[in-house]
N, C-alpha and C. Protein backbone atom coordinates (compact mmCIF):
# COMPACT_ATOMS: atom_id res chain seq x y z
N UNK A 1 2.78 -30.76 13.60
CA UNK A 1 1.92 -31.11 14.81
C UNK A 1 3.12 -31.02 15.74
N UNK A 2 2.81 -30.46 17.26
CA UNK A 2 3.84 -30.47 18.09
C UNK A 2 3.69 -31.63 18.95
N UNK A 3 5.14 -32.36 19.14
CA UNK A 3 4.66 -33.54 19.76
C UNK A 3 4.46 -33.42 21.29
N UNK A 4 4.91 -32.32 21.90
CA UNK A 4 4.71 -31.68 23.27
C UNK A 4 3.98 -30.45 23.28
N UNK A 5 2.48 -30.29 23.39
CA UNK A 5 1.80 -29.52 23.30
C UNK A 5 1.79 -28.36 24.47
N UNK A 6 2.60 -28.85 25.42
CA UNK A 6 2.95 -27.74 26.66
C UNK A 6 4.13 -27.23 26.58
N UNK A 7 4.88 -27.25 25.45
CA UNK A 7 6.25 -26.46 25.25
C UNK A 7 6.12 -25.57 24.34
N UNK A 8 6.61 -24.25 24.68
CA UNK A 8 6.37 -23.01 23.92
C UNK A 8 7.91 -22.38 23.70
N UNK A 9 7.82 -21.78 22.33
CA UNK A 9 8.99 -21.18 22.20
C UNK A 9 8.86 -19.80 22.55
N UNK A 10 9.99 -19.06 23.14
CA UNK A 10 9.81 -17.78 23.56
C UNK A 10 11.23 -16.91 23.09
N UNK A 11 10.84 -16.12 22.26
CA UNK A 11 11.63 -15.20 21.56
C UNK A 11 11.88 -13.96 22.04
N UNK A 12 12.96 -13.03 21.41
CA UNK A 12 12.89 -11.74 21.89
C UNK A 12 13.40 -11.47 23.43
N UNK A 13 14.00 -12.68 24.10
CA UNK A 13 14.52 -12.26 25.23
C UNK A 13 15.84 -11.52 25.49
N UNK A 14 15.62 -10.54 26.56
CA UNK A 14 16.78 -9.84 26.83
C UNK A 14 17.88 -10.84 27.04
N UNK A 15 19.22 -10.38 26.54
CA UNK A 15 20.25 -11.12 26.76
C UNK A 15 20.78 -11.30 28.22
N UNK A 16 20.23 -10.56 29.14
CA UNK A 16 20.51 -10.67 30.44
C UNK A 16 19.42 -11.45 31.31
N UNK A 17 18.18 -12.00 30.54
CA UNK A 17 17.55 -12.95 31.39
C UNK A 17 17.91 -14.00 31.79
N UNK A 18 17.81 -14.54 33.00
CA UNK A 18 18.09 -15.76 33.54
C UNK A 18 16.89 -16.77 33.47
N UNK A 19 17.30 -18.17 33.46
CA UNK A 19 16.34 -19.18 33.49
C UNK A 19 15.15 -19.10 34.65
N UNK A 20 15.72 -18.78 35.90
CA UNK A 20 14.84 -18.57 36.95
C UNK A 20 13.75 -17.42 36.83
N UNK A 21 14.30 -16.32 36.21
CA UNK A 21 13.32 -15.32 35.90
C UNK A 21 12.40 -15.31 34.72
N UNK A 22 12.91 -16.30 34.00
CA UNK A 22 11.95 -16.74 32.89
C UNK A 22 10.78 -17.77 33.20
N UNK A 23 11.14 -18.56 34.22
CA UNK A 23 10.48 -19.60 35.16
C UNK A 23 9.50 -18.45 35.90
N UNK A 24 9.81 -17.78 36.56
CA UNK A 24 8.99 -17.04 37.46
C UNK A 24 7.93 -16.13 36.62
N UNK A 25 8.47 -15.55 35.57
CA UNK A 25 7.37 -14.68 34.94
C UNK A 25 6.37 -15.83 34.24
N UNK A 26 6.71 -16.83 33.87
CA UNK A 26 5.78 -17.69 33.03
C UNK A 26 4.79 -18.34 34.14
N UNK A 27 5.30 -18.38 35.35
CA UNK A 27 4.51 -18.94 36.39
C UNK A 27 2.95 -18.09 36.59
N UNK A 28 2.91 -17.05 36.16
CA UNK A 28 1.66 -16.34 36.38
C UNK A 28 0.81 -16.96 35.41
N UNK A 29 0.88 -17.65 34.34
CA UNK A 29 0.06 -18.37 33.58
C UNK A 29 -0.09 -19.79 34.06
N UNK A 30 0.61 -20.43 34.94
CA UNK A 30 0.34 -21.70 35.53
C UNK A 30 1.68 -22.33 35.95
N UNK A 31 1.84 -23.78 35.83
CA UNK A 31 2.89 -24.29 36.68
C UNK A 31 3.98 -24.46 35.40
N UNK A 32 5.01 -23.97 35.89
CA UNK A 32 6.33 -24.13 34.78
C UNK A 32 7.01 -25.51 35.11
N UNK A 33 7.19 -26.33 34.09
CA UNK A 33 7.70 -27.45 34.39
C UNK A 33 9.29 -27.26 34.31
N UNK A 34 9.64 -26.67 33.19
CA UNK A 34 11.07 -26.30 33.19
C UNK A 34 11.15 -25.15 32.01
N UNK A 35 12.42 -24.58 31.96
CA UNK A 35 12.63 -23.43 31.35
C UNK A 35 14.13 -23.51 30.60
N UNK A 36 14.42 -23.29 29.47
CA UNK A 36 15.66 -23.25 28.89
C UNK A 36 16.00 -22.04 27.74
N UNK A 37 17.39 -21.54 28.25
CA UNK A 37 17.64 -20.44 27.45
C UNK A 37 18.87 -20.92 26.74
N UNK A 38 18.63 -20.98 25.34
CA UNK A 38 19.67 -21.21 24.67
C UNK A 38 20.84 -20.35 24.42
N UNK A 39 22.29 -20.72 24.67
CA UNK A 39 23.51 -19.87 24.54
C UNK A 39 24.26 -20.57 23.35
N UNK A 40 25.27 -19.28 23.15
CA UNK A 40 26.30 -19.52 21.94
C UNK A 40 27.12 -20.64 22.57
N UNK A 41 27.51 -21.67 21.73
CA UNK A 41 28.47 -22.74 22.38
C UNK A 41 29.83 -22.15 22.53
N UNK A 42 30.37 -20.98 21.85
CA UNK A 42 31.57 -20.43 21.96
C UNK A 42 31.57 -19.34 22.94
N UNK A 43 30.67 -18.61 22.97
CA UNK A 43 30.91 -17.39 24.09
C UNK A 43 30.07 -17.55 25.46
N UNK A 44 28.96 -18.50 25.24
CA UNK A 44 28.06 -18.70 26.45
C UNK A 44 27.10 -17.58 26.46
N UNK A 45 27.01 -16.77 25.65
CA UNK A 45 26.20 -15.56 25.86
C UNK A 45 24.94 -16.08 25.40
N UNK A 46 23.88 -15.63 25.97
CA UNK A 46 22.42 -16.19 25.57
C UNK A 46 22.11 -15.55 23.95
N UNK A 47 21.46 -16.39 23.45
CA UNK A 47 21.06 -16.24 21.92
C UNK A 47 19.76 -15.48 22.10
N UNK A 48 18.86 -15.29 23.01
CA UNK A 48 18.05 -14.35 23.14
C UNK A 48 16.65 -14.96 22.88
N UNK A 49 16.49 -16.42 23.11
CA UNK A 49 15.44 -17.09 22.71
C UNK A 49 15.64 -18.45 23.77
N UNK A 50 14.65 -19.09 23.78
CA UNK A 50 14.57 -20.40 24.56
C UNK A 50 13.05 -20.99 24.63
N UNK A 51 13.08 -22.00 25.60
CA UNK A 51 11.72 -22.78 25.63
C UNK A 51 11.44 -22.46 26.88
N UNK A 52 10.04 -22.80 26.96
CA UNK A 52 9.32 -22.80 28.60
C UNK A 52 8.38 -24.04 28.31
N UNK A 53 8.49 -24.86 29.18
CA UNK A 53 7.43 -26.16 29.26
C UNK A 53 6.37 -26.03 30.25
N UNK A 54 4.86 -25.96 30.10
CA UNK A 54 3.99 -25.47 31.19
C UNK A 54 3.40 -27.36 31.31
N UNK A 55 2.82 -27.22 32.42
CA UNK A 55 2.41 -28.58 32.77
C UNK A 55 1.30 -28.98 32.21
N UNK A 56 0.57 -28.28 31.42
CA UNK A 56 -0.40 -28.87 30.59
C UNK A 56 -0.47 -28.03 29.33
N UNK A 57 -1.11 -28.67 28.21
CA UNK A 57 -1.60 -27.77 27.04
C UNK A 57 -2.52 -26.59 27.41
N UNK A 58 -3.34 -26.76 28.10
CA UNK A 58 -4.20 -25.54 28.65
C UNK A 58 -3.40 -24.33 29.29
N UNK A 59 -2.43 -24.78 30.15
CA UNK A 59 -1.65 -23.47 30.68
C UNK A 59 -0.54 -23.14 29.22
N UNK A 60 -0.08 -23.95 28.62
CA UNK A 60 0.54 -23.34 27.45
C UNK A 60 -0.13 -22.61 26.85
N UNK A 61 -1.56 -22.94 26.20
CA UNK A 61 -2.31 -21.97 25.58
C UNK A 61 -2.52 -20.62 26.27
N UNK A 62 -2.56 -20.53 27.65
CA UNK A 62 -3.05 -19.57 28.51
C UNK A 62 -1.64 -18.75 28.43
N UNK A 63 -0.57 -19.08 28.57
CA UNK A 63 0.62 -18.52 28.32
C UNK A 63 0.92 -17.68 27.27
N UNK A 64 0.54 -18.51 26.08
CA UNK A 64 0.92 -18.06 24.91
C UNK A 64 0.01 -16.69 24.62
N UNK A 65 -1.53 -16.90 25.13
CA UNK A 65 -2.38 -15.73 24.80
C UNK A 65 -2.35 -14.65 25.60
N UNK A 66 -1.59 -14.69 26.86
CA UNK A 66 -1.60 -13.90 27.82
C UNK A 66 -0.05 -13.04 27.65
N UNK A 67 0.92 -13.70 27.48
CA UNK A 67 2.28 -13.17 27.36
C UNK A 67 2.78 -12.95 25.89
N UNK A 68 2.48 -13.40 24.98
CA UNK A 68 2.84 -13.19 23.58
C UNK A 68 2.63 -11.54 23.43
N UNK A 69 3.71 -10.81 23.13
CA UNK A 69 3.71 -9.54 22.59
C UNK A 69 3.87 -8.75 24.17
N UNK A 70 3.74 -9.21 25.37
CA UNK A 70 3.64 -8.50 26.60
C UNK A 70 5.26 -8.18 26.76
N UNK A 71 5.62 -6.96 27.29
CA UNK A 71 7.02 -6.65 27.66
C UNK A 71 7.47 -7.42 28.64
N UNK A 72 8.91 -7.75 28.64
CA UNK A 72 9.43 -8.51 29.95
C UNK A 72 10.68 -8.17 29.83
N UNK A 73 11.12 -7.32 30.73
CA UNK A 73 12.51 -6.66 31.01
C UNK A 73 12.89 -6.00 29.72
N UNK A 74 12.17 -4.94 29.34
CA UNK A 74 12.26 -3.97 28.34
C UNK A 74 12.23 -4.64 26.63
N UNK A 75 11.69 -5.83 26.62
CA UNK A 75 11.52 -6.38 25.24
C UNK A 75 10.06 -7.23 25.06
N UNK A 76 9.37 -7.06 24.14
CA UNK A 76 8.23 -7.40 23.96
C UNK A 76 8.44 -8.82 23.44
N UNK A 77 7.97 -9.89 24.25
CA UNK A 77 8.33 -11.43 23.87
C UNK A 77 7.41 -11.71 22.83
N UNK A 78 8.03 -12.85 22.01
CA UNK A 78 7.38 -13.67 21.12
C UNK A 78 7.02 -14.97 21.80
N UNK A 79 5.70 -15.36 21.93
CA UNK A 79 5.60 -16.94 22.66
C UNK A 79 4.72 -17.42 21.51
N UNK A 80 5.12 -18.80 21.16
CA UNK A 80 4.51 -19.32 20.19
C UNK A 80 4.72 -20.84 20.44
N UNK A 81 4.12 -21.97 19.78
CA UNK A 81 4.07 -23.26 20.07
C UNK A 81 5.40 -23.72 19.69
N UNK A 82 6.35 -24.53 20.62
CA UNK A 82 7.41 -24.97 19.99
C UNK A 82 7.36 -25.90 18.72
N UNK A 83 8.16 -25.88 17.95
CA UNK A 83 8.24 -26.76 16.67
C UNK A 83 9.29 -28.03 17.11
N UNK A 84 9.10 -29.16 16.41
CA UNK A 84 10.02 -30.25 16.65
C UNK A 84 11.34 -29.71 15.92
N UNK A 85 12.27 -30.09 16.96
CA UNK A 85 13.75 -30.01 16.13
C UNK A 85 13.83 -30.67 14.70
N UNK A 86 14.29 -30.07 13.59
CA UNK A 86 14.49 -30.65 12.50
C UNK A 86 15.91 -30.91 12.36
N UNK A 87 16.11 -32.33 12.06
CA UNK A 87 17.59 -32.80 11.77
C UNK A 87 18.36 -32.00 10.87
N UNK A 88 19.60 -31.80 11.00
CA UNK A 88 20.30 -30.95 10.37
C UNK A 88 21.13 -31.81 9.37
N UNK A 89 21.42 -31.35 8.16
CA UNK A 89 22.00 -31.96 7.04
C UNK A 89 23.40 -32.23 7.36
N UNK A 90 24.04 -33.33 6.95
CA UNK A 90 25.47 -33.62 7.27
C UNK A 90 26.35 -32.80 6.86
N UNK A 91 27.28 -31.93 7.73
CA UNK A 91 28.00 -30.96 7.44
C UNK A 91 27.57 -29.54 7.59
N UNK A 92 26.32 -29.40 8.02
CA UNK A 92 25.67 -28.30 8.21
C UNK A 92 25.81 -27.58 9.86
N UNK A 93 26.88 -28.31 10.51
CA UNK A 93 27.09 -27.61 11.78
C UNK A 93 27.82 -26.80 12.15
N UNK A 94 27.93 -25.86 11.20
CA UNK A 94 28.89 -24.70 10.92
C UNK A 94 28.35 -23.43 11.21
N UNK A 95 28.99 -22.43 11.14
CA UNK A 95 28.26 -21.06 11.36
C UNK A 95 27.01 -20.73 10.19
N UNK A 96 26.22 -20.13 10.76
CA UNK A 96 25.11 -19.56 9.78
C UNK A 96 25.56 -19.32 8.44
N UNK A 97 24.93 -19.89 7.53
CA UNK A 97 25.24 -19.18 6.09
C UNK A 97 26.19 -20.05 5.13
N UNK A 98 27.03 -20.88 6.01
CA UNK A 98 28.14 -21.63 5.39
C UNK A 98 27.38 -22.60 4.86
N UNK A 99 27.93 -23.28 3.57
CA UNK A 99 27.65 -24.44 3.23
C UNK A 99 28.63 -25.66 3.42
N UNK A 100 28.48 -26.88 3.41
CA UNK A 100 29.37 -27.79 3.37
C UNK A 100 30.34 -27.71 2.11
N UNK A 101 31.51 -28.11 2.16
CA UNK A 101 32.46 -28.06 1.18
C UNK A 101 32.04 -28.88 -0.27
N UNK A 102 31.22 -30.06 0.10
CA UNK A 102 30.79 -30.80 -1.00
C UNK A 102 29.71 -30.11 -1.70
N UNK A 103 28.97 -29.08 -1.29
CA UNK A 103 27.79 -28.35 -1.95
C UNK A 103 28.39 -26.91 -2.57
N UNK A 104 29.51 -26.96 -2.66
CA UNK A 104 30.31 -25.56 -2.96
C UNK A 104 30.40 -25.72 -4.42
N UNK A 105 30.08 -24.71 -5.21
CA UNK A 105 30.08 -24.92 -6.53
C UNK A 105 31.70 -24.66 -6.94
N UNK A 106 32.23 -25.59 -7.98
CA UNK A 106 33.49 -25.66 -8.24
C UNK A 106 33.77 -24.23 -9.39
N UNK A 107 34.91 -23.81 -8.70
CA UNK A 107 35.29 -22.64 -10.01
C UNK A 107 36.30 -23.15 -10.87
N UNK A 108 35.84 -22.67 -12.08
CA UNK A 108 36.64 -23.05 -13.17
C UNK A 108 38.13 -22.45 -13.03
N UNK A 109 39.03 -23.16 -13.57
CA UNK A 109 40.27 -22.42 -13.37
C UNK A 109 40.60 -21.65 -15.07
N UNK A 110 41.09 -20.42 -14.50
CA UNK A 110 41.32 -19.47 -15.67
C UNK A 110 42.72 -19.46 -15.86
N UNK A 111 43.11 -19.73 -17.06
CA UNK A 111 44.50 -19.83 -17.41
C UNK A 111 44.47 -18.60 -18.52
N UNK A 112 45.52 -17.53 -18.03
CA UNK A 112 45.88 -16.47 -19.06
C UNK A 112 46.85 -16.87 -20.07
N UNK A 113 46.46 -16.20 -21.22
CA UNK A 113 47.43 -16.51 -22.17
C UNK A 113 48.55 -15.18 -22.49
N UNK A 114 49.55 -15.50 -22.63
CA UNK A 114 50.73 -14.25 -22.82
C UNK A 114 50.08 -13.54 -23.92
N UNK A 115 50.41 -12.18 -23.87
CA UNK A 115 50.00 -11.23 -24.99
C UNK A 115 51.15 -11.27 -25.66
N UNK A 116 50.91 -11.07 -27.01
CA UNK A 116 51.92 -10.91 -28.10
C UNK A 116 52.56 -9.42 -28.15
């Protein structure tokens, strides 16, 4: 269940899209309360997705129905209900695909025997 039914996930954004442009585009479906475009914490570059909060669940539904799959700045948007953020496991704040050290399989030490 979405704890905030007025909040939408917006994917497939152009890396050049600004927060203001996103808010203006979604305003065609109703009142936009806030918009956030997520960025890489090291480079500051857009990650190509974000969130838009509409003023009501009805406006969020309208935005999802009208804007999902529509082209915006040369890209077909993906608009879905935002899901609650899942807590990360301890040690999983690394780059994607890396496991914490305690979860790494231990390698067996191989000792070579001298040949006779």
